Amino acid sequence: MTGDIDSVEVFDETKARAFSDKDENIISALKDLYTLYQLRVRVSSFQLPRYFNFEESPRAHHIDTSRFWAVLIGIDAYECNPLRGCVRDALKMERYLTENLCMPKHRIQRLLGSKEHVSSDNYHIPTRVNIIQTLVGLMNNAEIQNGDNIIIYFSGHGSGYSTAGYGSNANDSIEALCPIDRTEGNGSHIPDISDREINMILQNISRAKGDHIAFILDCSHTETASGALDQGVRTLPPLSGGSPKHMFNIADENSRQFPGYQSVHSEKWCPDMSSHVVLAACQEHQVAKESQGEEGFQGVFTESLLRVLTSDNFSGRSTYIDLICALPTMYGQTPVVAGKHKSAQIWYQDQ
């Protein structure tokens, strides 16, 4: 299938209808969609890289960043399969915000994980607790007004979990972000951060501060076998033998404080995509990669994204859809945009 079909929206809509209508035909379609997803994961490694050269030029329009806030997360120093370009990605994103957009630097929170850096007052270590507390802190920050722009950027490993054998909904997959301290065994277990927990947090930030939220992900979430790790691929195998149970337990504990709380264990759980726009490095069956650049290793997606954002190809009326459509398909990565407000102008300049 080709064209502008959004596979994420198709799967989520089918899932929602299956659980609301209890239609056996739709439930069967949901199972078929999940099977198709698994097949796409298996064949995606055969996609050939494609080169694209985007010529940079100065920006042609001004963006008002007087009401911008950002959280930038970059993690290289994983114990398993460390990366080399994620901290650099986060710092390049910061440079874009402060130098190109003239965003006040004190409104940017950095969580950086690199062996080349030590903890300081300027940034925090991207542990699971620190990531969650920083995001939750956005909704409690009295300086952030309703309607302000909030940019959340993550560069690091992602992971994928299957609900097979867990609960009654055995045809769902869980995407997760990997904190620097993810671990299991030896009496300690620090799980990944599931997409359900992240979505719950974004939903509540939106309730408190409005829905001008952009969530940018330079990672991937394919369900990778433990023996299939490739250097420079931003995906790790799931913890706990692939079961999301412990990850969900922690998410439930953290989320009970939120109004309208719904357990992430629920088989009827569906994401709220009205609270934010997400820009992702690749489709769900692909892997995000980093490559050698002039300044060192960098995320393929982040490099392309910043090239486009700092070009004059867009006017002030360009939308998030325009932005993603302008990005090249490189190294088998097809960038994705999702969310109810994906047709909004970049950084919500029309609102």
C-alpha atoms as a PDB file:
ATOM      1  CA  MET A   1       0.000   0.000   0.000  1.00  0.00           C
ATOM      2  CA  THR A   2       1.291   3.465  -0.890  1.00  0.00           C
ATOM      3  CA  GLY A   3       0.197   7.059  -0.518  1.00  0.00           C
ATOM      4  CA  ASP A   4      -0.760   9.005   2.594  1.00  0.00           C
ATOM      5  CA  ILE A   5      -2.231   6.111   4.585  1.00  0.00           C
ATOM      6  CA  ASP A   6      -1.207   6.409   8.241  1.00  0.00           C
ATOM      7  CA  SER A   7      -0.627   2.848   9.466  1.00  0.00           C
ATOM      8  CA  VAL A   8      -0.564   3.984  13.107  1.00  0.00           C
ATOM      9  CA  GLU A   9      -3.980   5.631  12.824  1.00  0.00           C
ATOM     10  CA  VAL A  10      -5.406   2.647  10.931  1.00  0.00           C
ATOM     11  CA  PHE A  11      -4.328   0.210  13.659  1.00  0.00           C
ATOM     12  CA  ASP A  12      -5.505   2.439  16.529  1.00  0.00           C
ATOM     13  CA  GLU A  13      -8.881   3.080  14.879  1.00  0.00           C
ATOM     14  CA  THR A  14      -9.406  -0.634  14.203  1.00  0.00           C
ATOM     15  CA  LYS A  15      -8.500  -1.444  17.792  1.00  0.00           C
ATOM     16  CA  ALA A  16     -10.876   1.188  19.186  1.00  0.00           C
ATOM     17  CA  ARG A  17     -13.771  -0.080  17.068  1.00  0.00           C
ATOM     18  CA  ALA A  18     -13.073  -3.684  17.966  1.00  0.00           C
ATOM     19  CA  PHE A  19     -13.347  -2.996  21.686  1.00  0.00           C
ATOM     20  CA  SER A  20     -16.251  -0.538  21.517  1.00  0.00           C
ATOM     21  CA  ASP A  21     -18.465  -2.507  19.127  1.00  0.00           C
ATOM     22  CA  LYS A  22     -17.299  -6.016  20.040  1.00  0.00           C
ATOM     23  CA  ASP A  23     -17.637  -6.788  16.336  1.00  0.00           C
ATOM     24  CA  GLU A  24     -16.059 -10.162  15.584  1.00  0.00           C
ATOM     25  CA  ASN A  25     -15.232  -9.054  12.020  1.00  0.00           C
ATOM     26  CA  ILE A  26     -13.334  -6.008  13.275  1.00  0.00           C
ATOM     27  CA  ILE A  27     -11.556  -8.085  15.925  1.00  0.00           C
ATOM     28  CA  SER A  28     -10.513 -10.463  13.149  1.00  0.00           C
ATOM     29  CA  ALA A  29      -9.266  -7.488  11.115  1.00  0.00           C
ATOM     30  CA  LEU A  30      -7.264  -6.322  14.130  1.00  0.00           C
ATOM     31  CA  LYS A  31      -5.553  -9.700  14.336  1.00  0.00           C
ATOM     32  CA  ASP A  32      -4.803  -9.585  10.600  1.00  0.00           C
ATOM     33  CA  LEU A  33      -3.304  -6.095  10.946  1.00  0.00           C
ATOM     34  CA  TYR A  34      -1.043  -7.272  13.749  1.00  0.00           C
ATOM     35  CA  THR A  35       0.067 -10.269  11.674  1.00  0.00           C
ATOM     36  CA  LEU A  36       0.831  -7.932   8.768  1.00  0.00           C
ATOM     37  CA  TYR A  37       2.873  -5.745  11.106  1.00  0.00           C
ATOM     38  CA  GLN A  38       4.972  -8.748  12.163  1.00  0.00           C
ATOM     39  CA  LEU A  39       5.609  -9.649   8.514  1.00  0.00           C
ATOM     40  CA  ARG A  40       6.711  -6.091   7.752  1.00  0.00           C
ATOM     41  CA  VAL A  41       9.203  -6.259  10.620  1.00  0.00           C
ATOM     42  CA  ARG A  42      10.753  -9.388   9.124  1.00  0.00           C
ATOM     43  CA  VAL A  43      11.164  -7.985   5.600  1.00  0.00           C
ATOM     44  CA  SER A  44      12.142  -4.405   6.491  1.00  0.00           C
ATOM     45  CA  SER A  45      15.834  -5.356   6.708  1.00  0.00           C
ATOM     46  CA  PHE A  46      15.851  -5.843   2.921  1.00  0.00           C
ATOM     47  CA  GLN A  47      15.109  -2.181   2.202  1.00  0.00           C
ATOM     48  CA  LEU A  48      17.974  -0.409   0.462  1.00  0.00           C
ATOM     49  CA  PRO A  49      19.418   2.902   1.667  1.00  0.00           C
ATOM     50  CA  ARG A  50      18.625   5.957  -0.423  1.00  0.00           C
ATOM     51  CA  TYR A  51      20.812   9.045  -0.609  1.00  0.00           C
ATOM     52  CA  PHE A  52      19.324  12.521  -0.464  1.00  0.00           C
ATOM     53  CA  ASN A  53      21.132  15.844  -0.470  1.00  0.00           C
ATOM     54  CA  PHE A  54      19.311  18.788   1.106  1.00  0.00           C
ATOM     55  CA  GLU A  55      20.973  22.143   0.554  1.00  0.00           C
ATOM     56  CA  GLU A  56      20.904  24.502   3.528  1.00  0.00           C
ATOM     57  CA  SER A  57      20.026  28.184   3.355  1.00  0.00           C
ATOM     58  CA  PRO A  58      18.947  30.834   5.880  1.00  0.00           C
ATOM     59  CA  ARG A  59      15.448  30.914   7.352  1.00  0.00           C
ATOM     60  CA  ALA A  60      13.041  33.252   5.586  1.00  0.00           C
ATOM     61  CA  HIS A  61      10.585  33.888   8.421  1.00  0.00           C
ATOM     62  CA  HIS A  62      10.585  34.702  12.115  1.00  0.00           C
ATOM     63  CA  ILE A  63       9.134  32.422  14.786  1.00  0.00           C
ATOM     64  CA  ASP A  64       8.048  33.904  18.095  1.00  0.00           C
ATOM     65  CA  THR A  65       9.591  31.761  20.859  1.00  0.00           C
ATOM     66  CA  SER A  66       8.595  33.969  23.779  1.00  0.00           C
ATOM     67  CA  ARG A  67       6.270  31.187  24.933  1.00  0.00           C
ATOM     68  CA  PHE A  68       8.460  28.148  24.176  1.00  0.00           C
ATOM     69  CA  TRP A  69       9.614  25.448  26.601  1.00  0.00           C
ATOM     70  CA  ALA A  70      11.677  22.335  25.867  1.00  0.00           C
ATOM     71  CA  VAL A  71      12.880  19.078  27.377  1.00  0.00           C
ATOM     72  CA  LEU A  72      15.798  17.533  25.475  1.00  0.00           C
ATOM     73  CA  ILE A  73      16.864  13.954  26.242  1.00  0.00           C
ATOM     74  CA  GLY A  74      19.936  12.317  24.699  1.00  0.00           C
ATOM     75  CA  ILE A  75      21.320   8.965  25.857  1.00  0.00           C
ATOM     76  CA  ASP A  76      24.521   7.325  24.589  1.00  0.00           C
ATOM     77  CA  ALA A  77      25.911   5.559  27.666  1.00  0.00           C
ATOM     78  CA  TYR A  78      23.685   2.491  27.825  1.00  0.00           C
ATOM     79  CA  GLU A  79      25.210  -0.497  29.567  1.00  0.00           C
ATOM     80  CA  CYS A  80      24.090  -2.685  26.672  1.00  0.00           C
ATOM     81  CA  ASN A  81      24.797  -1.587  23.096  1.00  0.00           C
ATOM     82  CA  PRO A  82      25.823   2.035  23.804  1.00  0.00           C
ATOM     83  CA  LEU A  83      25.199   4.671  21.157  1.00  0.00           C
ATOM     84  CA  ARG A  84      27.426   7.502  19.922  1.00  0.00           C
ATOM     85  CA  GLY A  85      25.253  10.264  18.495  1.00  0.00           C
ATOM     86  CA  CYS A  86      22.308  10.820  20.826  1.00  0.00           C
ATOM     87  CA  VAL A  87      23.825  13.406  23.161  1.00  0.00           C
ATOM     88  CA  ARG A  88      25.145  15.236  20.108  1.00  0.00           C
ATOM     89  CA  ASP A  89      21.626  15.140  18.627  1.00  0.00           C
ATOM     90  CA  ALA A  90      20.137  16.709  21.758  1.00  0.00           C
ATOM     91  CA  LEU A  91      22.791  19.434  21.820  1.00  0.00           C
ATOM     92  CA  LYS A  92      22.239  20.171  18.123  1.00  0.00           C
ATOM     93  CA  MET A  93      18.521  20.453  18.800  1.00  0.00           C
ATOM     94  CA  GLU A  94      19.322  22.887  21.608  1.00  0.00           C
ATOM     95  CA  ARG A  95      21.534  24.904  19.253  1.00  0.00           C
ATOM     96  CA  TYR A  96      18.685  25.095  16.737  1.00  0.00           C
ATOM     97  CA  LEU A  97      16.250  26.313  19.389  1.00  0.00           C
ATOM     98  CA  THR A  98      18.573  28.914  20.915  1.00  0.00           C
ATOM     99  CA  GLU A  99      20.481  30.136  17.837  1.00  0.00           C
ATOM    100  CA  ASN A 100      18.010  29.735  14.977  1.00  0.00           C
ATOM    101  CA  LEU A 101      14.806  30.380  16.890  1.00  0.00           C
ATOM    102  CA  CYS A 102      16.327  32.582  19.642  1.00  0.00           C
ATOM    103  CA  MET A 103      14.587  30.585  22.362  1.00  0.00           C
ATOM    104  CA  PRO A 104      15.613  31.563  25.921  1.00  0.00           C
ATOM    105  CA  LYS A 105      18.125  28.955  27.090  1.00  0.00           C
ATOM    106  CA  HIS A 106      16.810  28.897  30.663  1.00  0.00           C
ATOM    107  CA  ARG A 107      13.557  27.402  29.365  1.00  0.00           C
ATOM    108  CA  ILE A 108      15.345  24.288  28.121  1.00  0.00           C
ATOM    109  CA  GLN A 109      15.820  21.286  30.410  1.00  0.00           C
ATOM    110  CA  ARG A 110      18.529  18.828  29.346  1.00  0.00           C
ATOM    111  CA  LEU A 111      18.864  15.192  30.359  1.00  0.00           C
ATOM    112  CA  LEU A 112      22.112  13.855  28.911  1.00  0.00           C
ATOM    113  CA  GLY A 113      23.675  10.435  29.303  1.00  0.00           C
ATOM    114  CA  SER A 114      27.252  10.191  28.052  1.00  0.00           C
ATOM    115  CA  LYS A 115      30.530   8.885  29.419  1.00  0.00           C
ATOM    116  CA  GLU A 116      32.056  12.155  28.252  1.00  0.00           C
ATOM    117  CA  HIS A 117      29.872  14.189  30.616  1.00  0.00           C
ATOM    118  CA  VAL A 118      29.455  14.257  34.378  1.00  0.00           C
ATOM    119  CA  SER A 119      26.460  15.471  36.333  1.00  0.00           C
ATOM    120  CA  SER A 120      26.241  19.238  36.660  1.00  0.00           C
ATOM    121  CA  ASP A 121      23.763  21.986  37.388  1.00  0.00           C
ATOM    122  CA  ASN A 122      23.174  22.420  33.656  1.00  0.00           C
ATOM    123  CA  TYR A 123      21.670  19.007  33.012  1.00  0.00           C
ATOM    124  CA  HIS A 124      20.490  15.842  34.709  1.00  0.00           C
ATOM    125  CA  ILE A 125      21.169  12.160  34.099  1.00  0.00           C
ATOM    126  CA  PRO A 126      18.315  10.588  32.068  1.00  0.00           C
ATOM    127  CA  THR A 127      17.329   7.923  34.568  1.00  0.00           C
ATOM    128  CA  ARG A 128      13.774   6.641  34.531  1.00  0.00           C
ATOM    129  CA  VAL A 129      12.864   8.669  37.606  1.00  0.00           C
ATOM    130  CA  ASN A 130      14.437  11.864  36.251  1.00  0.00           C
ATOM    131  CA  ILE A 131      12.703  11.548  32.870  1.00  0.00           C
ATOM    132  CA  ILE A 132       9.273  11.005  34.436  1.00  0.00           C
ATOM    133  CA  GLN A 133       9.738  13.751  37.037  1.00  0.00           C
ATOM    134  CA  THR A 134      10.896  16.238  34.396  1.00  0.00           C
ATOM    135  CA  LEU A 135       7.888  15.557  32.175  1.00  0.00           C
ATOM    136  CA  VAL A 136       5.407  15.633  35.054  1.00  0.00           C
ATOM    137  CA  GLY A 137       7.070  18.855  36.189  1.00  0.00           C
ATOM    138  CA  LEU A 138       5.884  20.562  33.005  1.00  0.00           C
ATOM    139  CA  MET A 139       2.254  20.309  34.081  1.00  0.00           C
ATOM    140  CA  ASN A 140       3.092  21.679  37.533  1.00  0.00           C
ATOM    141  CA  ASN A 141       5.287  24.565  36.341  1.00  0.00           C
ATOM    142  CA  ALA A 142       3.408  27.776  37.161  1.00  0.00           C
ATOM    143  CA  GLU A 143       5.518  29.741  34.648  1.00  0.00           C
ATOM    144  CA  ILE A 144       4.150  27.717  31.730  1.00  0.00           C
ATOM    145  CA  GLN A 145       0.881  29.274  30.607  1.00  0.00           C
ATOM    146  CA  ASN A 146      -2.009  27.617  28.789  1.00  0.00           C
ATOM    147  CA  GLY A 147      -1.239  27.670  25.071  1.00  0.00           C
ATOM    148  CA  ASP A 148       2.553  27.821  25.440  1.00  0.00           C
ATOM    149  CA  ASN A 149       4.621  25.678  23.073  1.00  0.00           C
ATOM    150  CA  ILE A 150       6.220  22.605  24.654  1.00  0.00           C
ATOM    151  CA  ILE A 151       8.851  20.617  22.734  1.00  0.00           C
ATOM    152  CA  ILE A 152       9.893  17.211  24.074  1.00  0.00           C
ATOM    153  CA  TYR A 153      12.797  15.563  22.254  1.00  0.00           C
ATOM    154  CA  PHE A 154      14.187  12.061  22.835  1.00  0.00           C
ATOM    155  CA  SER A 155      17.244  10.525  21.177  1.00  0.00           C
ATOM    156  CA  GLY A 156      18.279   7.081  22.375  1.00  0.00           C
ATOM    157  CA  HIS A 157      17.171   3.468  22.368  1.00  0.00           C
ATOM    158  CA  GLY A 158      13.573   2.377  22.083  1.00  0.00           C
ATOM    159  CA  SER A 159      12.172  -1.104  22.545  1.00  0.00           C
ATOM    160  CA  GLY A 160       9.090  -3.100  21.639  1.00  0.00           C
ATOM    161  CA  TYR A 161       6.957  -5.411  23.752  1.00  0.00           C
ATOM    162  CA  SER A 162       4.227  -7.851  22.788  1.00  0.00           C
ATOM    163  CA  THR A 163       1.104  -8.467  24.845  1.00  0.00           C
ATOM    164  CA  ALA A 164       1.006 -12.091  23.672  1.00  0.00           C
ATOM    165  CA  GLY A 165       0.489 -14.249  26.745  1.00  0.00           C
ATOM    166  CA  TYR A 166      -0.329 -11.195  28.829  1.00  0.00           C
ATOM    167  CA  GLY A 167      -3.986 -10.388  29.454  1.00  0.00           C
ATOM    168  CA  SER A 168      -6.770 -11.126  27.019  1.00  0.00           C
ATOM    169  CA  ASN A 169      -5.598  -8.776  24.271  1.00  0.00           C
ATOM    170  CA  ALA A 170      -2.852 -10.813  22.674  1.00  0.00           C
ATOM    171  CA  ASN A 171      -2.685  -8.837  19.438  1.00  0.00           C
ATOM    172  CA  ASP A 172      -1.218  -5.561  20.614  1.00  0.00           C
ATOM    173  CA  SER A 173       2.320  -4.233  20.694  1.00  0.00           C
ATOM    174  CA  ILE A 174       3.782  -1.799  23.202  1.00  0.00           C
ATOM    175  CA  GLU A 175       6.401   0.776  22.281  1.00  0.00           C
ATOM    176  CA  ALA A 176       8.815   1.956  24.950  1.00  0.00           C
ATOM    177  CA  LEU A 177      11.604   4.448  25.595  1.00  0.00           C
ATOM    178  CA  CYS A 178      14.745   3.106  27.259  1.00  0.00           C
ATOM    179  CA  PRO A 179      16.142   5.169  30.170  1.00  0.00           C
ATOM    180  CA  ILE A 180      19.864   5.040  30.853  1.00  0.00           C
ATOM    181  CA  ASP A 181      19.385   2.901  33.988  1.00  0.00           C
ATOM    182  CA  ARG A 182      17.084   0.211  32.548  1.00  0.00           C
ATOM    183  CA  THR A 183      18.019  -3.048  34.209  1.00  0.00           C
ATOM    184  CA  GLU A 184      16.758  -6.350  35.558  1.00  0.00           C
ATOM    185  CA  GLY A 185      18.180  -9.059  37.760  1.00  0.00           C
ATOM    186  CA  ASN A 186      20.490  -8.911  40.787  1.00  0.00           C
ATOM    187  CA  GLY A 187      17.592  -7.831  42.975  1.00  0.00           C
ATOM    188  CA  SER A 188      16.859  -4.664  41.011  1.00  0.00           C
ATOM    189  CA  HIS A 189      14.509  -4.012  38.128  1.00  0.00           C
ATOM    190  CA  ILE A 190      14.156  -0.639  36.454  1.00  0.00           C
ATOM    191  CA  PRO A 191      11.781  -1.014  33.501  1.00  0.00           C
ATOM    192  CA  ASP A 192      11.486   0.912  30.281  1.00  0.00           C
ATOM    193  CA  ILE A 193       8.895   3.681  29.895  1.00  0.00           C
ATOM    194  CA  SER A 194       5.884   2.441  27.940  1.00  0.00           C
ATOM    195  CA  ASP A 195       4.073   4.486  25.313  1.00  0.00           C
ATOM    196  CA  ARG A 196       0.985   4.193  27.522  1.00  0.00           C
ATOM    197  CA  GLU A 197       2.690   5.937  30.436  1.00  0.00           C
ATOM    198  CA  ILE A 198       4.106   8.629  28.137  1.00  0.00           C
ATOM    199  CA  ASN A 199       0.690   9.165  26.555  1.00  0.00           C
ATOM    200  CA  MET A 200      -0.921   9.501  29.983  1.00  0.00           C
ATOM    201  CA  ILE A 201       1.632  12.169  30.936  1.00  0.00           C
ATOM    202  CA  LEU A 202       1.207  14.076  27.662  1.00  0.00           C
ATOM    203  CA  GLN A 203      -2.565  13.958  28.073  1.00  0.00           C
ATOM    204  CA  ASN A 204      -2.283  15.564  31.504  1.00  0.00           C
ATOM    205  CA  ILE A 205       0.263  18.165  30.381  1.00  0.00           C
ATOM    206  CA  SER A 206      -2.260  19.080  27.689  1.00  0.00           C
ATOM    207  CA  ARG A 207      -5.058  19.404  30.250  1.00  0.00           C
ATOM    208  CA  ALA A 208      -2.940  21.781  32.324  1.00  0.00           C
ATOM    209  CA  LYS A 209      -1.079  23.741  29.633  1.00  0.00           C
ATOM    210  CA  GLY A 210      -2.914  23.209  26.343  1.00  0.00           C
ATOM    211  CA  ASP A 211      -2.239  20.974  23.355  1.00  0.00           C
ATOM    212  CA  HIS A 212       0.647  22.868  21.714  1.00  0.00           C
ATOM    213  CA  ILE A 213       2.961  19.932  22.377  1.00  0.00           C
ATOM    214  CA  ALA A 214       5.470  18.472  19.895  1.00  0.00           C
ATOM    215  CA  PHE A 215       6.975  15.088  20.819  1.00  0.00           C
ATOM    216  CA  ILE A 216      10.036  14.226  18.705  1.00  0.00           C
ATOM    217  CA  LEU A 217      11.504  10.708  18.787  1.00  0.00           C
ATOM    218  CA  ASP A 218      14.800   9.612  17.231  1.00  0.00           C
ATOM    219  CA  CYS A 219      14.547   5.960  18.222  1.00  0.00           C
ATOM    220  CA  SER A 220      12.703   2.827  17.115  1.00  0.00           C
ATOM    221  CA  HIS A 221      10.542   0.190  18.762  1.00  0.00           C
ATOM    222  CA  THR A 222      10.759  -3.026  16.754  1.00  0.00           C
ATOM    223  CA  GLU A 223      10.629  -6.197  18.830  1.00  0.00           C
ATOM    224  CA  THR A 224      14.296  -7.171  18.546  1.00  0.00           C
ATOM    225  CA  ALA A 225      15.780 -10.492  19.570  1.00  0.00           C
ATOM    226  CA  SER A 226      18.630 -10.272  22.090  1.00  0.00           C
ATOM    227  CA  GLY A 227      21.117 -11.694  19.597  1.00  0.00           C
ATOM    228  CA  ALA A 228      20.197  -9.262  16.827  1.00  0.00           C
ATOM    229  CA  LEU A 229      21.845  -6.058  18.076  1.00  0.00           C
ATOM    230  CA  ASP A 230      23.569  -3.931  15.443  1.00  0.00           C
ATOM    231  CA  GLN A 231      25.780  -1.015  16.416  1.00  0.00           C
ATOM    232  CA  GLY A 232      24.200   2.282  15.514  1.00  0.00           C
ATOM    233  CA  VAL A 233      20.653   0.906  15.500  1.00  0.00           C
ATOM    234  CA  ARG A 234      18.538   2.637  18.130  1.00  0.00           C
ATOM    235  CA  THR A 235      16.582  -0.365  19.370  1.00  0.00           C
ATOM    236  CA  LEU A 236      17.130  -2.702  22.318  1.00  0.00           C
ATOM    237  CA  PRO A 237      15.480  -6.036  23.145  1.00  0.00           C
ATOM    238  CA  PRO A 238      12.681  -5.852  25.729  1.00  0.00           C
ATOM    239  CA  LEU A 239      13.300  -6.590  29.385  1.00  0.00           C
ATOM    240  CA  SER A 240      11.451  -9.235  31.428  1.00  0.00           C
ATOM    241  CA  GLY A 241      11.447 -11.728  28.599  1.00  0.00           C
ATOM    242  CA  GLY A 242       9.302  -9.386  26.537  1.00  0.00           C
ATOM    243  CA  SER A 243       6.444  -9.039  29.042  1.00  0.00           C
ATOM    244  CA  PRO A 244       5.206  -5.489  29.740  1.00  0.00           C
ATOM    245  CA  LYS A 245       3.770  -6.419  33.158  1.00  0.00           C
ATOM    246  CA  HIS A 246       6.395  -4.803  35.403  1.00  0.00           C
ATOM    247  CA  MET A 247       6.591  -1.741  33.156  1.00  0.00           C
ATOM    248  CA  PHE A 248       2.810  -1.357  33.434  1.00  0.00           C
ATOM    249  CA  ASN A 249       2.877  -1.807  37.218  1.00  0.00           C
ATOM    250  CA  ILE A 250       5.280   1.123  37.620  1.00  0.00           C
ATOM    251  CA  ALA A 251       3.231   3.212  35.187  1.00  0.00           C
ATOM    252  CA  ASP A 252       0.058   2.528  37.180  1.00  0.00           C
ATOM    253  CA  GLU A 253       1.739   3.603  40.414  1.00  0.00           C
ATOM    254  CA  ASN A 254       2.934   6.844  38.814  1.00  0.00           C
ATOM    255  CA  SER A 255      -0.346   7.624  37.044  1.00  0.00           C
ATOM    256  CA  ARG A 256      -2.870   7.239  39.873  1.00  0.00           C
ATOM    257  CA  GLN A 257      -2.324  10.916  40.730  1.00  0.00           C
ATOM    258  CA  PHE A 258      -3.752  12.051  37.386  1.00  0.00           C
ATOM    259  CA  PRO A 259      -7.424  13.030  36.927  1.00  0.00           C
ATOM    260  CA  GLY A 260      -9.405  10.653  34.741  1.00  0.00           C
ATOM    261  CA  TYR A 261      -6.900   7.910  35.489  1.00  0.00           C
ATOM    262  CA  GLN A 262      -7.307   4.742  33.437  1.00  0.00           C
ATOM    263  CA  SER A 263      -5.155   1.714  34.176  1.00  0.00           C
ATOM    264  CA  VAL A 264      -2.548   1.033  31.506  1.00  0.00           C
ATOM    265  CA  HIS A 265      -3.239  -2.668  32.112  1.00  0.00           C
ATOM    266  CA  SER A 266      -6.668  -2.297  30.500  1.00  0.00           C
ATOM    267  CA  GLU A 267      -7.167  -4.286  27.308  1.00  0.00           C
ATOM    268  CA  LYS A 268      -9.373  -1.441  26.067  1.00  0.00           C
ATOM    269  CA  TRP A 269      -6.650   1.162  26.499  1.00  0.00           C
ATOM    270  CA  CYS A 270      -6.245   3.471  23.491  1.00  0.00           C
ATOM    271  CA  PRO A 271      -3.898   6.442  23.128  1.00  0.00           C
ATOM    272  CA  ASP A 272      -5.155  10.015  23.231  1.00  0.00           C
ATOM    273  CA  MET A 273      -3.674  11.602  20.103  1.00  0.00           C
ATOM    274  CA  SER A 274      -5.421  14.947  20.596  1.00  0.00           C
ATOM    275  CA  SER A 275      -2.932  16.136  23.219  1.00  0.00           C
ATOM    276  CA  HIS A 276       0.180  16.357  21.033  1.00  0.00           C
ATOM    277  CA  VAL A 277       1.818  15.896  17.657  1.00  0.00           C
ATOM    278  CA  VAL A 278       4.490  13.206  17.416  1.00  0.00           C
ATOM    279  CA  LEU A 279       7.336  13.259  14.901  1.00  0.00           C
ATOM    280  CA  ALA A 280       9.055   9.870  14.747  1.00  0.00           C
ATOM    281  CA  ALA A 281      12.229   8.704  13.033  1.00  0.00           C
ATOM    282  CA  CYS A 282      10.668   5.754  11.233  1.00  0.00           C
ATOM    283  CA  GLN A 283       7.621   3.589  10.781  1.00  0.00           C
ATOM    284  CA  GLU A 284       6.777   0.916  13.335  1.00  0.00           C
ATOM    285  CA  HIS A 285       8.370  -1.913  11.322  1.00  0.00           C
ATOM    286  CA  GLN A 286      11.637  -0.040  10.664  1.00  0.00           C
ATOM    287  CA  VAL A 287      14.704   0.794  12.761  1.00  0.00           C
ATOM    288  CA  ALA A 288      16.202   4.214  13.491  1.00  0.00           C
ATOM    289  CA  LYS A 289      19.926   4.522  12.853  1.00  0.00           C
ATOM    290  CA  GLU A 290      22.848   6.829  13.449  1.00  0.00           C
ATOM    291  CA  SER A 291      25.633   7.525  10.965  1.00  0.00           C
ATOM    292  CA  GLN A 292      29.009   9.237  10.802  1.00  0.00           C
ATOM    293  CA  GLY A 293      28.760  12.948  10.017  1.00  0.00           C
ATOM    294  CA  GLU A 294      31.157  15.876   9.849  1.00  0.00           C
ATOM    295  CA  GLU A 295      30.869  16.506  13.597  1.00  0.00           C
ATOM    296  CA  GLY A 296      30.781  12.834  14.598  1.00  0.00           C
ATOM    297  CA  PHE A 297      27.973  10.326  14.878  1.00  0.00           C
ATOM    298  CA  GLN A 298      24.428  11.648  14.587  1.00  0.00           C
ATOM    299  CA  GLY A 299      20.893  10.376  14.199  1.00  0.00           C
ATOM    300  CA  VAL A 300      19.847  10.050  10.567  1.00  0.00           C
ATOM    301  CA  PHE A 301      16.417  11.451  11.429  1.00  0.00           C
ATOM    302  CA  THR A 302      17.631  14.354  13.581  1.00  0.00           C
ATOM    303  CA  GLU A 303      20.190  15.435  10.997  1.00  0.00           C
ATOM    304  CA  SER A 304      17.561  15.452   8.236  1.00  0.00           C
ATOM    305  CA  LEU A 305      15.014  17.181  10.469  1.00  0.00           C
ATOM    306  CA  LEU A 306      17.379  20.016  11.378  1.00  0.00           C
ATOM    307  CA  ARG A 307      18.492  20.468   7.777  1.00  0.00           C
ATOM    308  CA  VAL A 308      14.900  21.019   6.740  1.00  0.00           C
ATOM    309  CA  LEU A 309      14.033  23.217   9.719  1.00  0.00           C
ATOM    310  CA  THR A 310      17.002  25.506   8.991  1.00  0.00           C
ATOM    311  CA  SER A 311      16.294  25.750   5.261  1.00  0.00           C
ATOM    312  CA  ASP A 312      14.175  28.320   3.433  1.00  0.00           C
ATOM    313  CA  ASN A 313      11.948  25.681   1.841  1.00  0.00           C
ATOM    314  CA  PHE A 314       9.179  26.444   4.309  1.00  0.00           C
ATOM    315  CA  SER A 315       7.177  29.557   4.903  1.00  0.00           C
ATOM    316  CA  GLY A 316       5.544  30.410   8.202  1.00  0.00           C
ATOM    317  CA  ARG A 317       2.487  28.516   6.954  1.00  0.00           C
ATOM    318  CA  SER A 318       4.253  25.139   6.678  1.00  0.00           C
ATOM    319  CA  THR A 319       2.621  22.354   8.687  1.00  0.00           C
ATOM    320  CA  TYR A 320       3.950  19.322  10.536  1.00  0.00           C
ATOM    321  CA  ILE A 321       2.761  17.218   7.607  1.00  0.00           C
ATOM    322  CA  ASP A 322       4.736  19.462   5.226  1.00  0.00           C
ATOM    323  CA  LEU A 323       7.787  19.018   7.431  1.00  0.00           C
ATOM    324  CA  ILE A 324       7.666  15.224   7.446  1.00  0.00           C
ATOM    325  CA  CYS A 325       6.926  15.072   3.711  1.00  0.00           C
ATOM    326  CA  ALA A 326      10.066  17.137   3.064  1.00  0.00           C
ATOM    327  CA  LEU A 327      12.299  14.640   4.877  1.00  0.00           C
ATOM    328  CA  PRO A 328      14.060  12.047   2.726  1.00  0.00           C
ATOM    329  CA  THR A 329      13.686   8.306   3.161  1.00  0.00           C
ATOM    330  CA  MET A 330      17.228   7.313   4.131  1.00  0.00           C
ATOM    331  CA  TYR A 331      18.728   4.045   5.341  1.00  0.00           C
ATOM    332  CA  GLY A 332      15.314   2.404   5.190  1.00  0.00           C
ATOM    333  CA  GLN A 333      13.766   5.013   7.510  1.00  0.00           C
ATOM    334  CA  THR A 334      10.445   6.622   6.597  1.00  0.00           C
ATOM    335  CA  PRO A 335       9.692   9.465   9.059  1.00  0.00           C
ATOM    336  CA  VAL A 336       6.207   9.574  10.578  1.00  0.00           C
ATOM    337  CA  VAL A 337       3.901  12.308  11.844  1.00  0.00           C
ATOM    338  CA  ALA A 338       0.834  11.469  13.946  1.00  0.00           C
ATOM    339  CA  GLY A 339      -1.695  13.254  16.097  1.00  0.00           C
ATOM    340  CA  LYS A 340      -4.953  15.126  15.717  1.00  0.00           C
ATOM    341  CA  HIS A 341      -3.138  18.432  15.167  1.00  0.00           C
ATOM    342  CA  LYS A 342      -0.576  17.253  12.605  1.00  0.00           C
ATOM    343  CA  SER A 343      -2.048  19.734  10.094  1.00  0.00           C
ATOM    344  CA  ALA A 344      -1.160  22.634  12.408  1.00  0.00           C
ATOM    345  CA  GLN A 345       1.601  25.016  11.376  1.00  0.00           C
ATOM    346  CA  ILE A 346       5.049  24.114  12.665  1.00  0.00           C
ATOM    347  CA  TRP A 347       5.447  25.130  16.314  1.00  0.00           C
ATOM    348  CA  TYR A 348       1.743  26.050  16.234  1.00  0.00           C
ATOM    349  CA  GLN A 349       2.423  29.495  14.760  1.00  0.00           C
ATOM    350  CA  ASP A 350      -1.153  29.730  13.454  1.00  0.00           C
ATOM    351  CA  GLN A 351      -2.727  29.470  16.914  1.00  0.00           C
END
